[in-house]
């Protein structure tokens, strides 16, 4: 689950930080016309990543296949997808930094885990990620 945490200086595109990854990961747009996924966005200047897609579209509009670095070459991986959720679906709870009110949490597979009606790291169950 990634959250918009800043804005790229040159492109004015948002960049995203992973909230529930085991290590630091980001998604950012680079002026070369790529969206990248990797460990260090470096203010969106970095081209060092493990996953990328060539496109000038905003992230919610990106279509096509992402490519993944295999250690020796770039390879298309159609299993990689990015799905953006509308702001109306999840709203940040006022006075918190990473707690969200998701309107669909009532249908969660582990309702006891989202009994507070919020989606956050403690409530990482379907459909609240």
Foldseek 3Di string as FASTA:
>chain_A
DWDFDAAQDPPRATKIWDQADPATWIWAAAPVQKIAIARDCPSVPDPDHQKMDGHNDHQQPDDDFIWGDPPPDTDTDNVDDDHDDDCVQWPDDPPDDFKIQGPPLCPWPPNVQCVVRIAGNSSPTPPRD
